[in-house]
Amino acid sequence: MYKAVGWHSQNEYMAGNSLADVMRKLQKEYPAPRRTSRSSSTLHIYSEPLKIISVASEIVN
């Protein structure tokens, strides 16, 4: 399982079974703005930098 987590806040933005699932969900939830000029390429999509981490499955006894 993978999670997209905020770099500073450690808030969980998205989770999925694979890296592709997480990226797909992020793109759906936070679509990139349409480029209208070259200067808009510096716009931020997320409120903070994200890191994607691998989380081991939790074992339930």
PDB file of N, CA and C in Angstrom:
ATOM      1  N   MET A   1       0.843  -1.164   0.000  1.00  0.00           N
ATOM      2  CA  MET A   1       0.000   0.000   0.000  1.00  0.00           C
ATOM      3  C   MET A   1       0.893   1.232   0.000  1.00  0.00           C
ATOM      4  N   TYR A   2       0.443   2.265  -0.694  1.00  0.00           N
ATOM      5  CA  TYR A   2       1.193   3.504  -0.810  1.00  0.00           C
ATOM      6  C   TYR A   2       0.336   4.667  -0.345  1.00  0.00           C
ATOM      7  N   LYS A   3       1.007   5.714   0.172  1.00  0.00           N
ATOM      8  CA  LYS A   3       0.305   6.917   0.614  1.00  0.00           C
ATOM      9  C   LYS A   3       1.041   8.146   0.106  1.00  0.00           C
ATOM     10  N   ALA A   4       0.273   9.161  -0.286  1.00  0.00           N
ATOM     11  CA  ALA A   4       0.825  10.486  -0.593  1.00  0.00           C
ATOM     12  C   ALA A   4       0.657  11.305   0.675  1.00  0.00           C
ATOM     13  N   VAL A   5       1.788  11.759   1.228  1.00  0.00           N
ATOM     14  CA  VAL A   5       1.798  12.429   2.521  1.00  0.00           C
ATOM     15  C   VAL A   5       2.432  13.806   2.359  1.00  0.00           C
ATOM     16  N   GLY A   6       1.889  14.794   3.076  1.00  0.00           N
ATOM     17  CA  GLY A   6       2.455  16.139   3.049  1.00  0.00           C
ATOM     18  C   GLY A   6       3.848  16.159   3.656  1.00  0.00           C
ATOM     19  N   TRP A   7       4.763  16.863   2.994  1.00  0.00           N
ATOM     20  CA  TRP A   7       6.160  16.903   3.434  1.00  0.00           C
ATOM     21  C   TRP A   7       6.289  17.539   4.816  1.00  0.00           C
ATOM     22  N   HIS A   8       5.574  18.655   5.046  1.00  0.00           N
ATOM     23  CA  HIS A   8       5.703  19.383   6.305  1.00  0.00           C
ATOM     24  C   HIS A   8       4.659  18.950   7.337  1.00  0.00           C
ATOM     25  N   SER A   9       3.422  18.818   6.929  1.00  0.00           N
ATOM     26  CA  SER A   9       2.332  18.562   7.871  1.00  0.00           C
ATOM     27  C   SER A   9       2.131  17.086   8.190  1.00  0.00           C
ATOM     28  N   GLN A  10       2.657  16.200   7.361  1.00  0.00           N
ATOM     29  CA  GLN A  10       2.466  14.754   7.492  1.00  0.00           C
ATOM     30  C   GLN A  10       1.004  14.345   7.308  1.00  0.00           C
ATOM     31  N   ASN A  11       0.167  15.240   6.747  1.00  0.00           N
ATOM     32  CA  ASN A  11      -1.224  14.900   6.451  1.00  0.00           C
ATOM     33  C   ASN A  11      -1.276  13.918   5.289  1.00  0.00           C
ATOM     34  N   GLU A  12      -2.182  12.964   5.362  1.00  0.00           N
ATOM     35  CA  GLU A  12      -2.347  11.997   4.280  1.00  0.00           C
ATOM     36  C   GLU A  12      -3.280  12.585   3.225  1.00  0.00           C
ATOM     37  N   TYR A  13      -2.781  12.713   1.995  1.00  0.00           N
ATOM     38  CA  TYR A  13      -3.579  13.254   0.904  1.00  0.00           C
ATOM     39  C   TYR A  13      -4.325  12.163   0.156  1.00  0.00           C
ATOM     40  N   MET A  14      -3.684  11.027  -0.054  1.00  0.00           N
ATOM     41  CA  MET A  14      -4.296   9.958  -0.834  1.00  0.00           C
ATOM     42  C   MET A  14      -3.615   8.640  -0.486  1.00  0.00           C
ATOM     43  N   ALA A  15      -4.346   7.535  -0.643  1.00  0.00           N
ATOM     44  CA  ALA A  15      -3.789   6.197  -0.406  1.00  0.00           C
ATOM     45  C   ALA A  15      -4.280   5.274  -1.504  1.00  0.00           C
ATOM     46  N   GLY A  16      -3.487   4.262  -1.819  1.00  0.00           N
ATOM     47  CA  GLY A  16      -3.869   3.300  -2.840  1.00  0.00           C
ATOM     48  C   GLY A  16      -3.042   2.035  -2.736  1.00  0.00           C
ATOM     49  N   ASN A  17      -3.465   1.019  -3.463  1.00  0.00           N
ATOM     50  CA  ASN A  17      -2.774  -0.267  -3.439  1.00  0.00           C
ATOM     51  C   ASN A  17      -1.458  -0.239  -4.198  1.00  0.00           C
ATOM     52  N   SER A  18      -1.338   0.644  -5.176  1.00  0.00           N
ATOM     53  CA  SER A  18      -0.106   0.734  -5.949  1.00  0.00           C
ATOM     54  C   SER A  18       0.253   2.205  -6.140  1.00  0.00           C
ATOM     55  N   LEU A  19       1.466   2.437  -6.566  1.00  0.00           N
ATOM     56  CA  LEU A  19       1.919   3.789  -6.843  1.00  0.00           C
ATOM     57  C   LEU A  19       1.047   4.435  -7.923  1.00  0.00           C
ATOM     58  N   ALA A  20       0.670   3.652  -8.921  1.00  0.00           N
ATOM     59  CA  ALA A  20      -0.187   4.156  -9.996  1.00  0.00           C
ATOM     60  C   ALA A  20      -1.558   4.570  -9.473  1.00  0.00           C
ATOM     61  N   ASP A  21      -2.113   3.799  -8.536  1.00  0.00           N
ATOM     62  CA  ASP A  21      -3.404   4.153  -7.932  1.00  0.00           C
ATOM     63  C   ASP A  21      -3.329   5.504  -7.236  1.00  0.00           C
ATOM     64  N   VAL A  22      -2.276   5.706  -6.456  1.00  0.00           N
ATOM     65  CA  VAL A  22      -2.114   6.966  -5.730  1.00  0.00           C
ATOM     66  C   VAL A  22      -2.005   8.129  -6.711  1.00  0.00           C
ATOM     67  N   MET A  23      -1.195   7.985  -7.748  1.00  0.00           N
ATOM     68  CA  MET A  23      -1.022   9.060  -8.727  1.00  0.00           C
ATOM     69  C   MET A  23      -2.322   9.347  -9.465  1.00  0.00           C
ATOM     70  N   ARG A  24      -3.052   8.301  -9.824  1.00  0.00           N
ATOM     71  CA  ARG A  24      -4.331   8.461 -10.515  1.00  0.00           C
ATOM     72  C   ARG A  24      -5.329   9.230  -9.653  1.00  0.00           C
ATOM     73  N   LYS A  25      -5.410   8.868  -8.372  1.00  0.00           N
ATOM     74  CA  LYS A  25      -6.326   9.538  -7.450  1.00  0.00           C
ATOM     75  C   LYS A  25      -5.924  10.994  -7.227  1.00  0.00           C
ATOM     76  N   LEU A  26      -4.615  11.256  -7.123  1.00  0.00           N
ATOM     77  CA  LEU A  26      -4.146  12.633  -6.957  1.00  0.00           C
ATOM     78  C   LEU A  26      -4.503  13.483  -8.170  1.00  0.00           C
ATOM     79  N   GLN A  27      -4.306  12.933  -9.369  1.00  0.00           N
ATOM     80  CA  GLN A  27      -4.632  13.678 -10.589  1.00  0.00           C
ATOM     81  C   GLN A  27      -6.122  13.961 -10.691  1.00  0.00           C
ATOM     82  N   LYS A  28      -6.946  13.034 -10.221  1.00  0.00           N
ATOM     83  CA  LYS A  28      -8.389  13.232 -10.279  1.00  0.00           C
ATOM     84  C   LYS A  28      -8.837  14.278  -9.256  1.00  0.00           C
ATOM     85  N   GLU A  29      -8.288  14.211  -8.047  1.00  0.00           N
ATOM     86  CA  GLU A  29      -8.671  15.117  -6.966  1.00  0.00           C
ATOM     87  C   GLU A  29      -8.080  16.523  -7.144  1.00  0.00           C
ATOM     88  N   TYR A  30      -6.861  16.603  -7.662  1.00  0.00           N
ATOM     89  CA  TYR A  30      -6.158  17.875  -7.836  1.00  0.00           C
ATOM     90  C   TYR A  30      -5.707  18.021  -9.290  1.00  0.00           C
ATOM     91  N   PRO A  31      -6.626  18.321 -10.199  1.00  0.00           N
ATOM     92  CA  PRO A  31      -6.225  18.453 -11.606  1.00  0.00           C
ATOM     93  C   PRO A  31      -5.301  19.655 -11.811  1.00  0.00           C
ATOM     94  N   ALA A  32      -4.355  19.497 -12.713  1.00  0.00           N
ATOM     95  CA  ALA A  32      -3.427  20.581 -13.022  1.00  0.00           C
ATOM     96  C   ALA A  32      -4.171  21.689 -13.755  1.00  0.00           C
ATOM     97  N   PRO A  33      -3.890  22.953 -13.419  1.00  0.00           N
ATOM     98  CA  PRO A  33      -4.551  24.056 -14.128  1.00  0.00           C
ATOM     99  C   PRO A  33      -4.092  24.114 -15.583  1.00  0.00           C
ATOM    100  N   ARG A  34      -4.966  24.579 -16.426  1.00  0.00           N
ATOM    101  CA  ARG A  34      -4.615  24.731 -17.839  1.00  0.00           C
ATOM    102  C   ARG A  34      -3.596  25.847 -18.004  1.00  0.00           C
ATOM    103  N   ARG A  35      -2.607  25.615 -18.837  1.00  0.00           N
ATOM    104  CA  ARG A  35      -1.594  26.648 -19.077  1.00  0.00           C
ATOM    105  C   ARG A  35      -2.138  27.681 -20.037  1.00  0.00           C
ATOM    106  N   THR A  36      -2.089  28.930 -19.627  1.00  0.00           N
ATOM    107  CA  THR A  36      -2.516  30.018 -20.505  1.00  0.00           C
ATOM    108  C   THR A  36      -1.331  30.823 -20.990  1.00  0.00           C
ATOM    109  N   SER A  37      -0.230  30.747 -20.256  1.00  0.00           N
ATOM    110  CA  SER A  37       0.991  31.429 -20.670  1.00  0.00           C
ATOM    111  C   SER A  37       2.185  30.697 -20.071  1.00  0.00           C
ATOM    112  N   ARG A  38       3.358  31.093 -20.456  1.00  0.00           N
ATOM    113  CA  ARG A  38       4.557  30.429 -19.935  1.00  0.00           C
ATOM    114  C   ARG A  38       4.754  30.686 -18.446  1.00  0.00           C
ATOM    115  N   SER A  39       4.282  31.820 -17.948  1.00  0.00           N
ATOM    116  CA  SER A  39       4.490  32.152 -16.542  1.00  0.00           C
ATOM    117  C   SER A  39       3.641  31.282 -15.612  1.00  0.00           C
ATOM    118  N   SER A  40       2.582  30.682 -16.119  1.00  0.00           N
ATOM    119  CA  SER A  40       1.719  29.871 -15.261  1.00  0.00           C
ATOM    120  C   SER A  40       2.323  28.506 -14.955  1.00  0.00           C
ATOM    121  N   SER A  41       3.467  28.188 -15.517  1.00  0.00           N
ATOM    122  CA  SER A  41       4.074  26.884 -15.258  1.00  0.00           C
ATOM    123  C   SER A  41       4.602  26.779 -13.827  1.00  0.00           C
ATOM    124  N   THR A  42       4.670  27.890 -13.093  1.00  0.00           N
ATOM    125  CA  THR A  42       5.154  27.861 -11.710  1.00  0.00           C
ATOM    126  C   THR A  42       4.016  27.754 -10.700  1.00  0.00           C
ATOM    127  N   LEU A  43       2.777  27.568 -11.158  1.00  0.00           N
ATOM    128  CA  LEU A  43       1.659  27.434 -10.237  1.00  0.00           C
ATOM    129  C   LEU A  43       1.768  26.133  -9.459  1.00  0.00           C
ATOM    130  N   HIS A  44       1.346  26.156  -8.207  1.00  0.00           N
ATOM    131  CA  HIS A  44       1.387  24.972  -7.360  1.00  0.00           C
ATOM    132  C   HIS A  44       0.033  24.270  -7.404  1.00  0.00           C
ATOM    133  N   ILE A  45       0.063  22.967  -7.542  1.00  0.00           N
ATOM    134  CA  ILE A  45      -1.164  22.177  -7.579  1.00  0.00           C
ATOM    135  C   ILE A  45      -1.578  21.799  -6.161  1.00  0.00           C
ATOM    136  N   TYR A  46      -0.610  21.428  -5.336  1.00  0.00           N
ATOM    137  CA  TYR A  46      -0.879  21.012  -3.964  1.00  0.00           C
ATOM    138  C   TYR A  46      -0.491  22.135  -3.016  1.00  0.00           C
ATOM    139  N   SER A  47      -1.016  22.094  -1.800  1.00  0.00           N
ATOM    140  CA  SER A  47      -0.734  23.149  -0.830  1.00  0.00           C
ATOM    141  C   SER A  47       0.671  23.034  -0.227  1.00  0.00           C
ATOM    142  N   GLU A  48       1.311  21.893  -0.405  1.00  0.00           N
ATOM    143  CA  GLU A  48       2.670  21.679   0.093  1.00  0.00           C
ATOM    144  C   GLU A  48       3.314  20.566  -0.740  1.00  0.00           C
ATOM    145  N   PRO A  49       4.632  20.432  -0.672  1.00  0.00           N
ATOM    146  CA  PRO A  49       5.273  19.317  -1.380  1.00  0.00           C
ATOM    147  C   PRO A  49       4.792  17.982  -0.809  1.00  0.00           C
ATOM    148  N   LEU A  50       4.665  16.996  -1.674  1.00  0.00           N
ATOM    149  CA  LEU A  50       4.202  15.680  -1.249  1.00  0.00           C
ATOM    150  C   LEU A  50       5.311  14.661  -1.385  1.00  0.00           C
ATOM    151  N   LYS A  51       5.253  13.649  -0.546  1.00  0.00           N
ATOM    152  CA  LYS A  51       6.134  12.487  -0.705  1.00  0.00           C
ATOM    153  C   LYS A  51       5.244  11.258  -0.719  1.00  0.00           C
ATOM    154  N   ILE A  52       5.626  10.288  -1.509  1.00  0.00           N
ATOM    155  CA  ILE A  52       4.859   9.051  -1.596  1.00  0.00           C
ATOM    156  C   ILE A  52       5.648   7.981  -0.885  1.00  0.00           C
ATOM    157  N   ILE A  53       4.994   7.365   0.095  1.00  0.00           N
ATOM    158  CA  ILE A  53       5.673   6.377   0.924  1.00  0.00           C
ATOM    159  C   ILE A  53       4.995   5.023   0.772  1.00  0.00           C
ATOM    160  N   SER A  54       5.781   3.993   0.956  1.00  0.00           N
ATOM    161  CA  SER A  54       5.263   2.632   0.939  1.00  0.00           C
ATOM    162  C   SER A  54       4.950   2.247   2.377  1.00  0.00           C
ATOM    163  N   VAL A  55       3.742   1.734   2.590  1.00  0.00           N
ATOM    164  CA  VAL A  55       3.303   1.352   3.933  1.00  0.00           C
ATOM    165  C   VAL A  55       3.080  -0.146   3.942  1.00  0.00           C
ATOM    166  N   ALA A  56       3.732  -0.836   4.871  1.00  0.00           N
ATOM    167  CA  ALA A  56       3.540  -2.280   4.999  1.00  0.00           C
ATOM    168  C   ALA A  56       2.122  -2.570   5.455  1.00  0.00           C
ATOM    169  N   SER A  57       1.576  -3.640   4.982  1.00  0.00           N
ATOM    170  CA  SER A  57       0.231  -4.039   5.397  1.00  0.00           C
ATOM    171  C   SER A  57       0.217  -4.324   6.882  1.00  0.00           C
ATOM    172  N   GLU A  58      -0.827  -3.810   7.540  1.00  0.00           N
ATOM    173  CA  GLU A  58      -0.947  -4.058   8.978  1.00  0.00           C
ATOM    174  C   GLU A  58      -1.529  -5.445   9.193  1.00  0.00           C
ATOM    175  N   ILE A  59      -0.953  -6.177  10.112  1.00  0.00           N
ATOM    176  CA  ILE A  59      -1.414  -7.529  10.421  1.00  0.00           C
ATOM    177  C   ILE A  59      -2.392  -7.431  11.588  1.00  0.00           C
ATOM    178  N   VAL A  60      -3.583  -7.964  11.394  1.00  0.00           N
ATOM    179  CA  VAL A  60      -4.589  -7.961  12.444  1.00  0.00           C
ATOM    180  C   VAL A  60      -4.604  -9.324  13.101  1.00  0.00           C
ATOM    181  N   ASN A  61      -4.432  -9.344  14.404  1.00  0.00           N
ATOM    182  CA  ASN A  61      -4.436 -10.622  15.142  1.00  0.00           C
ATOM    183  C   ASN A  61      -5.812 -10.966  15.615  1.00  0.00           C
TER     184      ASN A  61
END
